[in-house]
Amino acid sequence: MPRELVTIECTEARKEGKPPSRYITTRNKKLQTEKLEMKKYNRFLGRHTTHREIK
């Protein structure tokens, strides 16, 4: 199966001393080989931030 579950975490929250927000999503690992990066809402900061895939 080419789709896999990935966890994405906020990149800005740790700089500000807040807990990071995390989301679970899927990606097609055959077509998208680089790490996933998207804008999602961080409820601790109260705004949309960049979330990057973590291992």
C-alpha atoms as a PDB file:
ATOM      1  CA  MET A   1       0.000   0.000   0.000  1.00  0.00           C
ATOM      2  CA  PRO A   2       1.597   3.320  -1.036  1.00  0.00           C
ATOM      3  CA  ARG A   3      -0.117   5.509   1.603  1.00  0.00           C
ATOM      4  CA  GLU A   4       1.408   5.841   5.050  1.00  0.00           C
ATOM      5  CA  LEU A   5       0.449   7.623   8.266  1.00  0.00           C
ATOM      6  CA  VAL A   6       2.680  10.555   9.203  1.00  0.00           C
ATOM      7  CA  THR A   7       2.720  12.885  12.206  1.00  0.00           C
ATOM      8  CA  ILE A   8       3.246  16.612  11.637  1.00  0.00           C
ATOM      9  CA  GLU A   9       4.336  18.955  14.431  1.00  0.00           C
ATOM     10  CA  CYS A  10       4.389  22.747  14.787  1.00  0.00           C
ATOM     11  CA  THR A  11       7.765  24.355  14.112  1.00  0.00           C
ATOM     12  CA  GLU A  12       7.135  27.648  15.956  1.00  0.00           C
ATOM     13  CA  ALA A  13       5.722  26.546  19.329  1.00  0.00           C
ATOM     14  CA  ARG A  14       8.991  25.394  20.945  1.00  0.00           C
ATOM     15  CA  LYS A  15      10.658  28.727  20.153  1.00  0.00           C
ATOM     16  CA  GLU A  16       7.933  30.511  22.136  1.00  0.00           C
ATOM     17  CA  GLY A  17       7.995  28.036  25.035  1.00  0.00           C
ATOM     18  CA  LYS A  18       4.550  26.565  24.332  1.00  0.00           C
ATOM     19  CA  PRO A  19       3.617  22.892  23.821  1.00  0.00           C
ATOM     20  CA  PRO A  20       3.690  21.855  20.139  1.00  0.00           C
ATOM     21  CA  SER A  21       0.482  20.908  18.366  1.00  0.00           C
ATOM     22  CA  ARG A  22       0.518  17.643  16.428  1.00  0.00           C
ATOM     23  CA  TYR A  23      -1.678  16.255  13.660  1.00  0.00           C
ATOM     24  CA  ILE A  24      -1.804  12.821  12.034  1.00  0.00           C
ATOM     25  CA  THR A  25      -2.355  12.647   8.283  1.00  0.00           C
ATOM     26  CA  THR A  26      -1.502  10.405   5.331  1.00  0.00           C
ATOM     27  CA  ARG A  27       0.735  10.842   2.328  1.00  0.00           C
ATOM     28  CA  ASN A  28       1.552   8.860  -0.788  1.00  0.00           C
ATOM     29  CA  LYS A  29       5.148   7.771  -0.199  1.00  0.00           C
ATOM     30  CA  LYS A  30       5.723   6.828  -3.854  1.00  0.00           C
ATOM     31  CA  LEU A  31       4.818  10.266  -5.217  1.00  0.00           C
ATOM     32  CA  GLN A  32       5.932  12.453  -2.310  1.00  0.00           C
ATOM     33  CA  THR A  33       9.359  11.374  -1.129  1.00  0.00           C
ATOM     34  CA  GLU A  34      10.336  14.554   0.769  1.00  0.00           C
ATOM     35  CA  LYS A  35       9.018  15.473   4.225  1.00  0.00           C
ATOM     36  CA  LEU A  36       5.487  16.809   4.395  1.00  0.00           C
ATOM     37  CA  GLU A  37       5.034  20.481   5.339  1.00  0.00           C
ATOM     38  CA  MET A  38       1.719  22.324   5.596  1.00  0.00           C
ATOM     39  CA  LYS A  39      -0.025  25.177   7.414  1.00  0.00           C
ATOM     40  CA  LYS A  40      -2.289  24.039  10.260  1.00  0.00           C
ATOM     41  CA  TYR A  41      -3.925  25.711  13.248  1.00  0.00           C
ATOM     42  CA  ASN A  42      -2.031  25.687  16.558  1.00  0.00           C
ATOM     43  CA  ARG A  43      -4.514  26.078  19.417  1.00  0.00           C
ATOM     44  CA  PHE A  44      -1.810  26.970  21.955  1.00  0.00           C
ATOM     45  CA  LEU A  45      -0.609  29.943  19.895  1.00  0.00           C
ATOM     46  CA  GLY A  46      -4.044  30.823  18.510  1.00  0.00           C
ATOM     47  CA  ARG A  47      -2.952  31.099  14.870  1.00  0.00           C
ATOM     48  CA  HIS A  48      -2.007  29.085  11.784  1.00  0.00           C
ATOM     49  CA  THR A  49       1.625  27.942  11.753  1.00  0.00           C
ATOM     50  CA  THR A  50       3.865  25.731   9.644  1.00  0.00           C
ATOM     51  CA  HIS A  51       3.787  22.072  10.651  1.00  0.00           C
ATOM     52  CA  ARG A  52       6.527  19.697   9.463  1.00  0.00           C
ATOM     53  CA  GLU A  53       6.678  15.910   9.409  1.00  0.00           C
ATOM     54  CA  ILE A  54       8.489  14.267  12.309  1.00  0.00           C
ATOM     55  CA  LYS A  55       9.845  10.744  12.506  1.00  0.00           C
END
